[in-house]
Protein backbone atom coordinates (compact mmCIF):
# COMPACT_ATOMS: atom_id res chain seq x y z
CA MET A 1 184.04 2.02 -136.05
CA THR A 2 184.01 3.16 -132.41
CA GLN A 3 182.68 6.68 -131.96
CA LEU A 4 184.56 8.81 -129.42
CA THR A 5 182.76 11.31 -127.23
CA ALA A 6 184.52 14.45 -126.00
CA VAL A 7 184.46 14.98 -122.23
CA ASP A 8 185.53 17.97 -120.19
CA PHE A 9 188.44 16.34 -118.35
CA ASP A 10 192.06 17.37 -118.12
CA PRO A 11 194.25 14.65 -116.52
CA PHE A 12 196.95 17.23 -115.89
CA ALA A 13 194.65 19.72 -114.12
CA SER A 14 195.08 18.16 -110.68
CA PRO A 15 197.52 19.76 -108.24
CA ALA A 16 201.12 18.58 -108.41
CA LEU A 17 201.92 15.48 -106.33
CA LEU A 18 204.39 16.24 -103.53
CA ARG A 19 204.72 12.81 -101.89
CA SER A 20 202.83 9.66 -101.03
CA ALA A 21 202.45 7.55 -97.90
CA PRO A 22 200.41 4.53 -96.82
CA SER A 23 196.94 5.35 -95.53
CA THR A 24 196.16 4.29 -91.98
CA GLN A 25 194.10 1.22 -91.18
CA SER A 26 191.25 3.42 -89.92
CA GLN A 27 191.30 5.42 -93.16
CA ARG A 28 191.17 2.26 -95.25
CA GLU A 29 188.19 1.05 -93.25
CA LEU A 30 186.48 4.38 -93.74
CA TRP A 31 187.35 4.41 -97.45
CA THR A 32 185.71 0.97 -97.78
CA ALA A 33 182.63 2.12 -95.88
CA SER A 34 182.35 5.13 -98.20
CA GLN A 35 182.19 2.80 -101.21
CA LEU A 36 178.97 1.17 -99.97
CA GLY A 37 176.86 3.82 -101.65
CA HIS A 38 175.89 7.46 -101.90
CA ASP A 39 174.22 7.60 -98.47
CA ALA A 40 177.04 5.68 -96.78
CA SER A 41 179.62 8.16 -98.06
CA LEU A 42 177.58 11.19 -96.98
CA ALA A 43 177.46 9.80 -93.43
CA PHE A 44 181.09 10.97 -93.17
CA ASN A 45 180.56 14.64 -94.09
CA GLU A 46 181.67 16.81 -91.14
CA ALA A 47 180.36 20.38 -91.28
CA VAL A 48 180.41 23.55 -89.18
CA ALA A 49 179.16 27.10 -89.63
CA LEU A 50 180.77 30.28 -88.27
CA ASP A 51 178.48 33.28 -87.93
CA LEU A 52 180.81 36.30 -88.13
CA SER A 53 179.69 39.74 -86.98
CA GLY A 54 181.75 42.86 -87.53
CA PRO A 55 183.95 44.41 -90.25
CA LEU A 56 185.08 41.25 -92.05
CA SER A 57 187.98 41.38 -94.51
CA THR A 58 187.19 38.79 -97.19
CA ALA A 59 190.75 39.04 -98.52
CA ALA A 60 192.20 38.27 -95.07
CA LEU A 61 189.76 35.39 -94.58
CA THR A 62 190.64 33.88 -97.96
CA ALA A 63 194.35 34.16 -97.18
CA ALA A 64 193.78 32.57 -93.76
CA LEU A 65 191.88 29.64 -95.27
CA GLN A 66 194.67 29.06 -97.78
CA ALA A 67 197.21 29.20 -94.93
CA VAL A 68 195.30 26.58 -92.91
CA VAL A 69 195.14 24.19 -95.86
CA ALA A 70 198.86 24.69 -96.52
CA ALA A 71 199.77 24.09 -92.85
CA HIS A 72 197.89 20.81 -92.51
CA GLU A 73 198.97 18.05 -94.85
CA ALA A 74 195.73 16.07 -94.53
CA LEU A 75 193.77 18.99 -95.99
CA HIS A 76 195.62 18.76 -99.32
CA THR A 77 195.69 14.96 -99.51
CA ALA A 78 193.79 12.68 -101.90
CA PHE A 79 193.55 8.87 -101.97
CA SER A 80 194.59 6.29 -104.50
CA GLU A 81 191.90 4.37 -106.40
CA ASP A 82 191.97 1.53 -103.84
CA GLY A 83 192.31 3.78 -100.79
CA THR A 84 195.66 2.32 -99.70
CA LEU A 85 197.82 5.38 -100.48
CA LEU A 86 197.78 8.99 -99.35
CA LEU A 87 198.61 11.34 -102.22
CA VAL A 88 199.87 14.62 -100.79
CA GLU A 89 199.37 17.35 -103.39
CA GLU A 90 200.13 21.06 -103.72
CA PRO A 91 197.79 22.91 -101.33
CA THR A 92 194.85 24.60 -103.00
CA LEU A 93 191.38 25.71 -101.95
CA GLU A 94 188.63 27.49 -103.83
CA VAL A 95 186.50 29.64 -101.50
CA GLY A 96 182.92 30.00 -102.69
CA TYR A 97 181.18 33.34 -102.20
CA GLU A 98 177.49 34.23 -102.34
CA ASP A 99 175.98 37.68 -101.72
CA LEU A 100 172.56 37.33 -100.11
CA SER A 101 172.42 40.82 -98.58
CA GLN A 102 169.82 42.20 -101.02
CA LEU A 103 167.28 39.42 -100.45
CA PRO A 104 164.25 39.69 -98.14
CA GLU A 105 164.98 38.23 -94.71
CA ALA A 106 162.82 35.14 -95.14
CA GLU A 107 164.42 34.28 -98.47
CA ARG A 108 167.88 34.99 -97.09
CA LEU A 109 167.35 32.61 -94.18
CA GLU A 110 166.05 29.95 -96.56
CA ARG A 111 169.13 30.32 -98.79
CA VAL A 112 171.42 29.95 -95.77
CA ALA A 113 169.52 26.80 -94.73
CA GLN A 114 169.87 25.41 -98.25
CA ALA A 115 173.60 26.11 -98.26
CA ARG A 116 174.00 24.33 -94.92
CA ARG A 117 171.99 21.42 -96.25
CA ARG A 118 174.36 21.14 -99.22
CA GLN A 119 177.28 20.80 -96.78
CA VAL A 120 176.02 17.38 -95.75
CA THR A 121 174.35 16.22 -98.97
CA GLU A 122 177.12 16.85 -101.53
CA PRO A 123 179.59 13.95 -101.63
CA PHE A 124 183.36 14.26 -101.79
CA ALA A 125 185.43 12.51 -104.46
CA LEU A 126 188.14 10.87 -102.37
CA GLN A 127 190.58 10.76 -105.30
CA ARG A 128 190.66 14.57 -105.53
CA SER A 129 192.06 17.09 -103.04
CA PRO A 130 191.24 19.09 -101.10
CA LEU A 131 188.69 17.09 -99.13
CA LEU A 132 187.66 20.37 -97.55
CA ARG A 133 185.12 22.89 -98.82
CA ALA A 134 184.62 26.54 -97.81
CA GLN A 135 181.82 28.93 -98.69
CA LEU A 136 181.30 32.51 -97.45
CA LEU A 137 177.76 33.91 -97.35
CA HIS A 138 177.43 37.70 -97.24
CA LEU A 139 174.25 38.47 -95.28
CA ALA A 140 174.60 42.18 -94.42
CA ALA A 141 177.24 44.89 -94.12
CA GLU A 142 178.72 43.36 -90.97
CA SER A 143 177.17 39.89 -91.01
CA HIS A 144 178.63 36.84 -92.73
CA THR A 145 178.42 33.07 -92.38
CA LEU A 146 181.39 30.86 -93.22
CA LEU A 147 180.54 27.25 -94.03
CA LEU A 148 183.28 24.62 -93.70
CA SER A 149 182.83 20.94 -94.52
CA ALA A 150 185.33 18.09 -94.76
CA HIS A 151 185.24 14.35 -95.26
CA HIS A 152 185.83 12.42 -92.05
CA ILE A 153 188.64 10.47 -93.75
CA VAL A 154 190.89 13.55 -93.36
CA CYS A 155 189.22 15.36 -90.47
CA ASP A 156 187.87 14.16 -87.13
CA GLY A 157 186.28 16.20 -84.35
CA TRP A 158 189.64 17.02 -82.75
CA SER A 159 190.94 18.16 -86.14
CA MET A 160 188.02 20.52 -86.74
CA ALA A 161 188.79 22.28 -83.45
CA VAL A 162 192.43 22.68 -84.54
CA ILE A 163 191.35 24.02 -87.96
CA LEU A 164 189.10 26.67 -86.39
CA ALA A 165 191.76 27.80 -83.90
CA ASP A 166 194.38 28.06 -86.67
CA LEU A 167 191.93 29.92 -88.91
CA ALA A 168 191.35 32.52 -86.19
CA GLU A 169 195.10 32.92 -85.70
CA ALA A 170 195.85 33.24 -89.43
CA TYR A 171 192.98 35.70 -90.01
CA SER A 172 194.03 37.91 -87.10
CA ARG A 173 197.51 38.16 -88.63
CA ALA A 174 196.33 38.78 -92.16
CA VAL A 175 193.84 41.50 -91.20
CA ILE A 176 196.66 43.67 -89.81
CA GLY A 177 198.85 43.10 -92.83
CA GLN A 178 201.09 40.33 -91.48
CA PRO A 179 201.66 37.06 -93.41
CA ALA A 180 198.86 34.58 -92.69
CA GLN A 181 201.33 31.69 -92.81
CA LEU A 182 201.24 29.36 -89.78
CA ALA A 183 204.16 27.68 -88.05
CA PRO A 184 204.86 24.10 -89.21
CA ARG A 185 202.29 21.59 -88.00
CA PRO A 186 202.75 17.80 -87.60
CA LEU A 187 202.61 15.87 -90.88
CA PHE A 188 199.85 13.29 -91.14
CA SER A 189 202.06 11.17 -93.42
CA ASP A 190 204.54 10.82 -90.52
CA TYR A 191 201.67 9.71 -88.29
CA ALA A 192 200.56 7.15 -90.90
CA ARG A 193 204.07 5.72 -91.33
CA ALA A 194 204.50 5.43 -87.56
CA GLU A 195 201.24 3.52 -87.36
CA GLU A 196 202.36 1.16 -90.12
CA GLN A 197 205.59 0.42 -88.26
CA SER A 198 203.69 -0.33 -85.04
CA ALA A 199 201.37 -2.85 -86.72
CA THR A 200 203.56 -5.80 -85.67
CA SER A 201 204.69 -4.36 -82.33
CA GLN A 202 204.28 -6.03 -78.96
CA GLU A 203 201.81 -3.29 -77.97
CA MET A 204 199.61 -4.14 -80.95
CA ARG A 205 199.64 -7.85 -80.10
CA ALA A 206 198.70 -7.03 -76.50
CA ALA A 207 195.84 -4.79 -77.69
CA GLU A 208 194.57 -7.55 -79.97
CA GLN A 209 194.51 -10.06 -77.14
CA TYR A 210 192.72 -7.59 -74.87
CA TRP A 211 189.86 -7.08 -77.33
CA LEU A 212 189.57 -10.78 -78.21
CA ARG A 213 189.16 -11.57 -74.52
CA ARG A 214 186.39 -8.96 -74.25
CA PHE A 215 184.39 -10.74 -76.95
CA VAL A 216 185.13 -14.38 -76.27
CA GLU A 217 181.50 -14.87 -75.16
CA GLU A 218 178.66 -14.58 -77.65
CA LEU A 219 177.08 -11.13 -77.83
CA PRO A 220 173.27 -10.98 -78.11
CA PRO A 221 171.89 -8.50 -80.68
CA LEU A 222 170.77 -5.20 -79.20
CA GLU A 223 167.08 -4.59 -79.91
CA LEU A 224 165.99 -1.05 -79.12
CA PRO A 225 162.23 -0.54 -79.55
CA VAL A 226 161.73 0.83 -83.08
CA ASP A 227 158.85 2.88 -84.48
CA ARG A 228 158.92 1.06 -87.84
CA PRO A 229 159.99 -2.41 -88.96
CA ARG A 230 163.73 -2.62 -89.57
CA PRO A 231 164.57 -2.53 -93.31
CA THR A 232 166.08 -5.69 -94.76
CA LEU A 233 169.27 -3.80 -95.71
CA LYS A 234 171.00 -1.18 -93.58
CA THR A 235 169.94 2.39 -94.26
CA TYR A 236 171.53 5.75 -93.41
CA PRO A 237 168.92 8.59 -93.52
CA SER A 238 169.26 10.59 -90.35
CA ALA A 239 168.10 13.67 -88.46
CA ARG A 240 169.43 15.34 -85.34
CA LEU A 241 167.63 16.29 -82.16
CA ASP A 242 169.38 18.55 -79.64
CA TYR A 243 168.53 18.30 -75.95
CA THR A 244 170.19 20.51 -73.32
CA LEU A 245 171.14 19.45 -69.79
CA ASP A 246 171.33 22.67 -67.78
CA ARG A 247 174.60 23.95 -66.35
CA SER A 248 173.61 23.24 -62.75
CA LEU A 249 172.95 19.56 -63.46
CA VAL A 250 176.18 19.22 -65.46
CA ASP A 251 178.24 20.77 -62.66
CA GLN A 252 176.65 18.43 -60.11
CA LEU A 253 177.42 15.41 -62.30
CA ARG A 254 181.03 16.51 -62.75
CA ALA A 255 181.45 16.92 -58.98
CA PHE A 256 179.78 13.55 -58.37
CA GLY A 257 182.14 11.80 -60.78
CA ALA A 258 185.21 13.54 -59.34
CA THR A 259 184.49 12.16 -55.85
CA ARG A 260 184.60 8.68 -57.42
CA ARG A 261 187.66 9.32 -59.64
CA ALA A 262 185.46 9.07 -62.71
CA SER A 263 185.68 11.36 -65.73
CA GLN A 264 182.67 13.17 -67.09
CA LEU A 265 182.66 10.69 -69.99
CA ALA A 266 182.59 7.70 -67.62
CA THR A 267 179.71 9.13 -65.58
CA LEU A 268 177.56 10.09 -68.56
CA LEU A 269 178.37 6.90 -70.45
CA ALA A 270 177.47 4.63 -67.51
CA ALA A 271 174.11 6.39 -67.20
CA PHE A 272 173.54 6.09 -70.97
CA GLN A 273 174.24 2.36 -70.76
CA VAL A 274 171.64 2.02 -68.02
CA LEU A 275 169.09 3.82 -70.21
CA VAL A 276 169.83 1.59 -73.22
CA ALA A 277 169.79 -1.58 -71.11
CA ARG A 278 166.40 -0.67 -69.70
CA LEU A 279 164.94 0.28 -73.11
CA ALA A 280 166.26 -2.86 -74.80
CA ASN A 281 165.74 -5.15 -71.78
CA SER A 282 169.33 -6.33 -72.12
CA GLU A 283 172.11 -6.85 -69.59
CA ASP A 284 174.91 -7.26 -72.14
CA LEU A 285 175.49 -4.45 -74.60
CA VAL A 286 178.13 -2.59 -76.62
CA VAL A 287 178.36 1.17 -77.06
CA GLY A 288 180.96 2.69 -79.37
CA VAL A 289 183.18 5.37 -77.82
CA PRO A 290 185.43 7.45 -80.13
CA ALA A 291 189.06 7.78 -79.00
CA ALA A 292 191.32 10.53 -80.37
CA GLY A 293 194.74 9.37 -81.53
CA GLN A 294 196.12 12.90 -81.16
CA SER A 295 195.87 12.71 -77.37
CA VAL A 296 197.65 9.35 -77.16
CA GLY A 297 200.41 10.41 -79.56
CA ASP A 298 200.89 13.82 -77.89
CA LEU A 299 200.14 15.56 -81.19
CA PRO A 300 197.58 18.20 -80.19
CA GLN A 301 197.96 20.17 -83.46
CA LEU A 302 197.68 17.19 -85.82
CA VAL A 303 194.81 17.32 -88.34
CA GLY A 304 193.62 14.10 -89.94
CA HIS A 305 191.53 11.03 -89.30
CA CYS A 306 193.05 9.79 -86.05
CA VAL A 307 189.94 8.58 -84.26
CA ASN A 308 189.25 4.94 -83.45
CA MET A 309 185.86 3.60 -82.36
CA LEU A 310 186.22 1.58 -79.15
CA PRO A 311 183.51 -1.11 -78.73
CA LEU A 312 182.93 -0.80 -74.98
CA ARG A 313 181.14 -3.92 -73.76
CA SER A 314 179.38 -3.77 -70.39
CA ARG A 315 177.28 -6.04 -68.21
CA ILE A 316 174.40 -4.03 -66.75
CA ARG A 317 173.08 -6.10 -63.85
CA ARG A 318 169.77 -4.69 -62.64
CA GLN A 319 170.55 -5.43 -58.99
CA ASP A 320 173.91 -3.61 -58.97
CA SER A 321 174.09 -0.04 -57.68
CA PHE A 322 175.00 2.75 -60.07
CA THR A 323 178.16 3.37 -58.02
CA LYS A 324 179.29 -0.20 -58.71
CA LEU A 325 178.52 0.12 -62.43
CA LEU A 326 180.38 3.43 -62.63
CA GLU A 327 183.51 1.85 -61.18
CA GLN A 328 183.29 -0.93 -63.77
CA VAL A 329 182.82 1.54 -66.64
CA ARG A 330 185.67 3.72 -65.34
CA ARG A 331 188.06 0.75 -65.41
CA ASP A 332 186.79 -0.44 -68.79
CA LEU A 333 187.32 3.00 -70.33
CA LEU A 334 190.89 3.20 -69.04
CA ASP A 335 191.68 -0.30 -70.33
CA ALA A 336 190.03 0.32 -73.69
CA THR A 337 191.89 3.61 -74.19
CA SER A 338 195.17 1.92 -73.33
CA ASN A 339 194.46 -0.69 -76.03
CA GLN A 340 193.04 1.56 -78.74
CA GLN A 341 195.77 0.63 -81.25
CA LEU A 342 193.62 -2.13 -82.71
CA THR A 343 191.01 -0.59 -84.98
CA TYR A 344 187.33 -1.49 -84.98
CA GLY A 345 187.59 -2.96 -88.49
CA SER A 346 190.64 -5.05 -87.60
CA LEU A 347 188.80 -6.48 -84.60
CA LEU A 348 185.84 -7.47 -86.77
CA THR A 349 188.12 -9.55 -89.02
CA LYS A 350 189.25 -11.55 -85.99
CA LEU A 351 185.82 -12.21 -84.46
CA VAL A 352 183.28 -14.82 -85.51
CA LEU A 353 180.08 -12.80 -85.48
CA PRO A 354 176.69 -13.46 -87.07
CA ARG A 355 176.24 -10.89 -89.85
CA ASP A 356 172.93 -9.11 -90.33
CA PRO A 357 172.71 -6.97 -93.50
CA SER A 358 170.23 -4.66 -91.77
CA ARG A 359 172.73 -3.35 -89.20
CA LEU A 360 176.41 -2.83 -88.40
CA PRO A 361 178.26 -5.68 -86.71
CA LEU A 362 179.08 -5.15 -83.03
CA ILE A 363 178.41 -1.38 -82.72
CA ASN A 364 175.08 0.27 -83.48
CA LEU A 365 175.12 2.98 -80.80
CA SER A 366 177.81 5.56 -80.14
CA PHE A 367 178.34 8.00 -77.27
CA ASN A 368 180.86 10.82 -77.12
CA VAL A 369 181.66 13.78 -74.88
CA ASP A 370 182.92 16.66 -76.98
CA HIS A 371 184.59 19.76 -75.57
CA ALA A 372 183.12 21.73 -78.43
CA VAL A 373 184.70 24.86 -79.85
CA THR A 374 182.70 27.96 -78.96
CA GLY A 375 182.82 31.46 -80.38
CA GLU A 376 184.19 32.71 -77.05
CA SER A 377 187.28 30.51 -77.44
CA LEU A 378 188.07 31.76 -80.97
CA HIS A 379 189.77 35.14 -81.37
CA PHE A 380 189.14 36.60 -84.82
CA ALA A 381 190.43 40.19 -84.76
CA ASN A 382 187.53 42.69 -84.52
CA LEU A 383 184.89 39.98 -85.10
CA GLY A 384 182.26 38.31 -83.01
CA VAL A 385 181.93 34.57 -83.68
CA ARG A 386 179.25 31.97 -83.09
CA VAL A 387 180.06 28.34 -83.97
CA SER A 388 177.47 25.66 -84.73
CA THR A 389 177.74 22.18 -86.17
CA THR A 390 175.54 21.20 -89.11
CA PRO A 391 173.41 18.09 -88.49
CA ARG A 392 174.24 15.22 -90.83
CA ALA A 393 171.59 14.10 -93.30
CA PHE A 394 172.97 10.54 -93.12
CA GLU A 395 174.45 8.62 -90.20
CA THR A 396 176.35 5.35 -89.87
CA PHE A 397 175.04 4.48 -86.40
CA GLU A 398 171.41 3.94 -85.49
CA LEU A 399 171.84 6.35 -82.58
CA PHE A 400 174.84 8.65 -81.99
CA VAL A 401 174.83 10.95 -78.97
CA ASN A 402 177.47 13.68 -78.96
CA ALA A 403 177.43 15.49 -75.61
CA ALA A 404 178.84 18.93 -76.51
CA GLU A 405 179.98 21.35 -73.82
CA LYS A 406 178.36 24.74 -74.36
CA PRO A 407 178.09 27.83 -72.11
CA GLU A 408 174.43 27.04 -71.43
CA GLY A 409 175.15 23.46 -70.40
CA LEU A 410 175.66 20.10 -72.09
CA VAL A 411 173.89 19.78 -75.44
CA LEU A 412 173.07 16.19 -76.37
CA GLU A 413 173.40 16.35 -80.17
CA THR A 414 171.58 13.14 -81.06
CA GLN A 415 171.71 11.79 -84.61
CA TYR A 416 169.15 9.02 -85.18
CA ASN A 417 168.13 6.79 -88.06
CA THR A 418 164.82 8.13 -89.35
CA ASP A 419 163.91 4.78 -90.93
CA LEU A 420 163.80 3.32 -87.41
CA PHE A 421 162.91 6.08 -84.96
CA ASP A 422 160.60 9.10 -84.72
CA ALA A 423 161.78 12.39 -83.26
CA ALA A 424 159.18 12.08 -80.50
CA THR A 425 160.63 8.72 -79.45
CA VAL A 426 164.19 10.05 -79.31
CA ARG A 427 163.08 13.11 -77.34
CA ARG A 428 161.28 10.89 -74.85
CA TRP A 429 164.44 8.82 -74.39
CA LEU A 430 166.54 11.94 -73.79
CA GLU A 431 163.99 13.19 -71.27
CA SER A 432 164.23 9.82 -69.53
CA TYR A 433 168.02 10.15 -69.58
CA GLU A 434 167.80 13.45 -67.71
CA VAL A 435 165.40 11.93 -65.15
CA LEU A 436 167.84 9.03 -64.76
CA LEU A 437 170.79 11.38 -64.17
CA ARG A 438 168.88 13.29 -61.51
CA GLY A 439 167.90 10.01 -59.88
CA ILE A 440 171.57 8.99 -59.75
CA LEU A 441 172.50 12.23 -58.02
CA ASN A 442 169.65 11.72 -55.55
CA ASP A 443 170.79 8.20 -54.58
CA PRO A 444 173.73 6.63 -56.46
CA GLU A 445 173.42 3.45 -54.41
CA THR A 446 170.04 2.65 -55.95
CA ALA A 447 169.99 -0.52 -58.06
CA VAL A 448 170.21 0.46 -61.73
CA GLY A 449 167.01 -1.49 -62.43
CA ASP A 450 165.15 0.75 -59.97
CA LEU A 451 166.47 4.14 -61.07
CA PRO A 452 163.65 6.40 -62.33
CA LEU A 453 163.05 6.93 -66.03
CA ALA A 454 159.77 8.86 -65.79
CA SER A 455 159.36 12.27 -64.17
CA GLN A 456 157.05 12.70 -61.17
CA ALA A 457 154.46 14.36 -63.41
CA GLU A 458 154.57 11.41 -65.83
CA GLN A 459 154.34 8.91 -62.96
CA GLN A 460 151.29 10.75 -61.59
CA LEU A 461 149.69 10.80 -65.02
CA LEU A 462 150.27 7.06 -65.46
CA ALA A 463 148.75 6.40 -62.04
CA GLU A 464 145.67 8.44 -62.97
CA TRP A 465 145.30 6.70 -66.32
CA ASN A 466 145.63 3.26 -64.72
CA ALA A 467 143.11 4.14 -62.03
CA ALA A 468 140.65 5.29 -64.69
CA THR A 469 140.77 1.92 -66.44
CA LEU A 470 139.63 -0.15 -63.47
CA ALA A 471 136.66 -2.31 -64.50
CA THR A 472 135.20 -5.69 -63.65
CA TYR A 473 134.83 -8.41 -66.27
CA PRO A 474 133.25 -11.87 -66.17
CA LYS A 475 136.03 -14.15 -64.95
CA HIS A 476 135.20 -17.08 -67.21
CA GLU A 477 134.45 -15.23 -70.45
CA SER A 478 137.10 -15.13 -73.17
CA LEU A 479 138.17 -11.94 -74.93
CA ALA A 480 136.80 -13.24 -78.24
CA GLY A 481 133.54 -14.21 -76.61
CA ARG A 482 133.05 -10.80 -75.02
CA LEU A 483 133.76 -8.98 -78.31
CA LEU A 484 131.33 -11.16 -80.20
CA ARG A 485 128.61 -10.76 -77.58
CA HIS A 486 129.02 -7.01 -78.02
CA ALA A 487 128.78 -7.47 -81.81
CA ALA A 488 125.38 -9.09 -81.44
CA VAL A 489 124.06 -5.99 -79.64
CA THR A 490 125.66 -3.21 -81.74
CA PRO A 491 126.78 -4.73 -85.06
CA GLU A 492 126.98 -1.35 -86.88
CA ARG A 493 129.19 0.45 -84.35
CA PRO A 494 132.87 0.94 -85.29
CA ALA A 495 135.00 -1.65 -83.52
CA LEU A 496 138.41 -1.09 -85.07
CA VAL A 497 140.08 1.94 -86.68
CA ALA A 498 143.43 1.10 -88.30
CA ARG A 499 145.59 2.61 -91.01
CA ASP A 500 144.34 0.11 -93.58
CA ALA A 501 140.67 -0.27 -92.63
CA THR A 502 137.78 0.64 -90.33
CA LEU A 503 135.65 -2.32 -89.26
CA THR A 504 132.31 -2.50 -87.46
CA TYR A 505 131.57 -5.10 -84.79
CA GLY A 506 129.50 -6.99 -87.33
CA GLU A 507 132.36 -7.10 -89.84
CA LEU A 508 134.75 -8.14 -87.09
CA ASP A 509 132.40 -11.02 -86.21
CA ARG A 510 131.87 -12.14 -89.81
CA ARG A 511 135.48 -11.99 -90.99
CA SER A 512 137.02 -13.55 -87.86
CA ALA A 513 134.43 -16.35 -88.06
CA SER A 514 135.51 -17.01 -91.66
CA ILE A 515 139.14 -17.32 -90.54
CA ALA A 516 138.14 -19.62 -87.67
CA ALA A 517 136.18 -21.87 -90.05
CA MET A 518 139.14 -22.07 -92.41
CA LEU A 519 141.41 -23.04 -89.52
CA ARG A 520 139.04 -25.73 -88.22
CA ALA A 521 138.83 -27.17 -91.73
CA ARG A 522 142.58 -27.69 -91.54
CA GLY A 523 142.33 -29.48 -88.21
CA ILE A 524 143.14 -26.56 -85.95
CA GLY A 525 141.47 -26.66 -82.54
CA ALA A 526 142.14 -26.89 -78.82
CA GLY A 527 145.82 -27.48 -78.12
CA SER A 528 146.99 -26.20 -81.53
CA LEU A 529 149.56 -23.41 -81.83
CA VAL A 530 149.15 -21.06 -84.81
CA GLY A 531 151.87 -18.61 -85.77
CA ILE A 532 150.78 -15.11 -86.85
CA CYS A 533 153.35 -13.28 -88.96
CA LEU A 534 151.64 -10.02 -89.96
CA GLU A 535 152.31 -6.30 -89.92
CA ARG A 536 150.31 -4.20 -87.44
CA SER A 537 147.01 -3.78 -89.27
CA SER A 538 143.36 -4.80 -89.16
CA ARG A 539 144.38 -8.23 -90.46
CA LEU A 540 146.48 -8.83 -87.37
CA LEU A 541 143.48 -8.45 -85.04
CA LEU A 542 141.27 -10.52 -87.35
CA ALA A 543 143.85 -13.31 -87.35
CA VAL A 544 144.13 -13.26 -83.53
CA LEU A 545 140.34 -13.43 -83.10
CA GLY A 546 140.08 -16.15 -85.74
CA VAL A 547 142.65 -18.32 -83.99
CA LEU A 548 140.99 -17.81 -80.60
CA ARG A 549 137.55 -18.62 -82.03
CA ALA A 550 138.96 -21.83 -83.48
CA GLY A 551 139.94 -22.79 -79.91
CA ALA A 552 143.68 -22.58 -80.54
CA ALA A 553 146.46 -20.35 -79.17
CA TYR A 554 148.47 -17.91 -81.27
CA VAL A 555 152.24 -17.25 -81.37
CA PRO A 556 153.18 -13.76 -82.65
CA LEU A 557 156.13 -13.56 -85.08
CA ASP A 558 157.73 -10.29 -86.23
CA PRO A 559 157.60 -10.12 -90.07
CA SER A 560 160.68 -7.88 -90.09
CA PHE A 561 162.85 -10.76 -88.84
CA PRO A 562 165.03 -12.62 -91.40
CA LYS A 563 163.33 -15.67 -92.94
CA ASP A 564 165.82 -18.14 -91.48
CA ARG A 565 165.19 -16.75 -88.00
CA LEU A 566 161.42 -17.00 -88.48
CA ALA A 567 161.77 -20.57 -89.71
CA PHE A 568 163.77 -21.51 -86.60
CA MET A 569 161.19 -19.88 -84.30
CA ALA A 570 158.34 -21.69 -86.06
CA GLN A 571 160.09 -25.06 -85.70
CA ASP A 572 161.09 -24.37 -82.10
CA ALA A 573 157.50 -23.49 -81.14
CA LEU A 574 156.11 -26.60 -82.89
CA LEU A 575 153.55 -24.55 -84.80
CA SER A 576 150.69 -26.36 -86.48
CA LEU A 577 150.15 -23.58 -88.97
CA LEU A 578 151.54 -20.17 -89.95
CA LEU A 579 149.28 -17.28 -90.99
CA SER A 580 150.97 -14.71 -93.24
CA GLU A 581 149.74 -11.90 -95.49
CA ARG A 582 149.18 -14.31 -98.39
CA ALA A 583 147.03 -16.53 -96.19
CA LEU A 584 144.61 -13.69 -95.43
CA GLU A 585 143.56 -12.46 -98.88
CA PRO A 586 139.84 -11.60 -99.15
CA GLU A 587 139.00 -15.10 -100.45
CA LEU A 588 141.01 -16.63 -97.58
CA PRO A 589 142.97 -19.29 -99.47
CA ALA A 590 144.70 -22.07 -97.61
CA PRO A 591 147.29 -20.66 -95.18
CA GLU A 592 150.99 -21.32 -95.43
CA VAL A 593 152.06 -24.29 -93.37
CA ALA A 594 155.03 -23.83 -91.06
């Protein structure tokens, strides 16, 4: 007999259903992406914090939050089990409250940090509305922090700005005793139905043809230098690093772009493409640029997921001037925006692209210019306001730069994949970006391959370091021979310090000789090519020395590459032998043959 277990679930507890509508194509793509796992879903948590100073009325704030949810249909919408339907329900919102005012300052700050962390680490259930959360933290008599978080499937960056402006308006009414209710706002269900009707329009067909033409030629994979081997499967852990470009520089860049009929986005994006092209040593790359559907549809007060990621493909020719590149990017942006009807996911279904499970197809980098909401632009009656975004703990893109306009300048809010990059690496790239921007202002006709990436102080330091390494070596002595001659003189001195081992010159001599003998026994000698497929470790250097001592040449292979790619490279290079981790166990068994 089957035993039934009681669960705390009431199928009739959900808010009443008001109406339904088809979800948009972008929402369905995002719904699918959210199903890829816990981390993938959390990459779409959008979160802000409002630090409120002054005599706050919690009753007025609660009423204002309820009014905002009621005014915007997307904020009281859930999704069907397969993500294809919007289920518009009765508006409801529970506002969390936590009194931290009696805690010591250090503990209070820690509790606020924990609450902000929860904003981006607690997933949303897409089948339950509202997909918006609010929590008020009471810090002192006239100090509060309001935390707002929403899933990207119902709220994009444009929408969050609308929500904050409406919240300020509703609160200012409620605090003086007026109804907090807002005037009718555009319905997202109307927007979704209009999109569905346009799916077979002439404009959609034209947009499809535009994007197919952009990608008719094969696109090489973009390989930014990583700090760690790329995981076999795509990962999402992320951190954010903020870097500020000062107001003077930003104003100069805006004036520079205006003289060339280029928007701030076009100017900053073109420079970012130069940076990426130089770092990746690539002349053909794609950067994702978010486009807001509200601006195209003339619906400035619409809240919902209306953004589409435009895969902007550019050719960065090193010999071209930055002025020439900027004109190309300016035109490409205008054309791409005019054809933004076709979603990123729809384009992928129409392109024949090699799929790599370790990364997204087509777009791995994103760049956006965000006219961020500031406390000065929000008018909460009798309150001072400071607005800050909460860094995501997980991110879809490997690198996402959001250039946010702030009073102090332009803050480059840079989310990066922590499985690939270190904070120090990202900071160095952003420093290079600033140097690059200043170099553009100094001479925009300079070839993009010659624009500076290192500051004068860094260039001087490099020159000093290089000068200090000048030394003469015997012209006809090999590297292996010189190392081994040194080993005969000082065999007990440390020769190599690595994460996995510390070896003396004597050990280096003995172990590399053992590898060389093993290779010669397999017929390896002058004219042979030996592949070395090893992580960076002491074994890598031992393998290199062993191959050189055997009289052969080595071909380095990255062990993070897919096996089929490694197999092709081995065949293409006509390797005689392949040394892998298994081939270099202490007993040195026979190596794997390519």
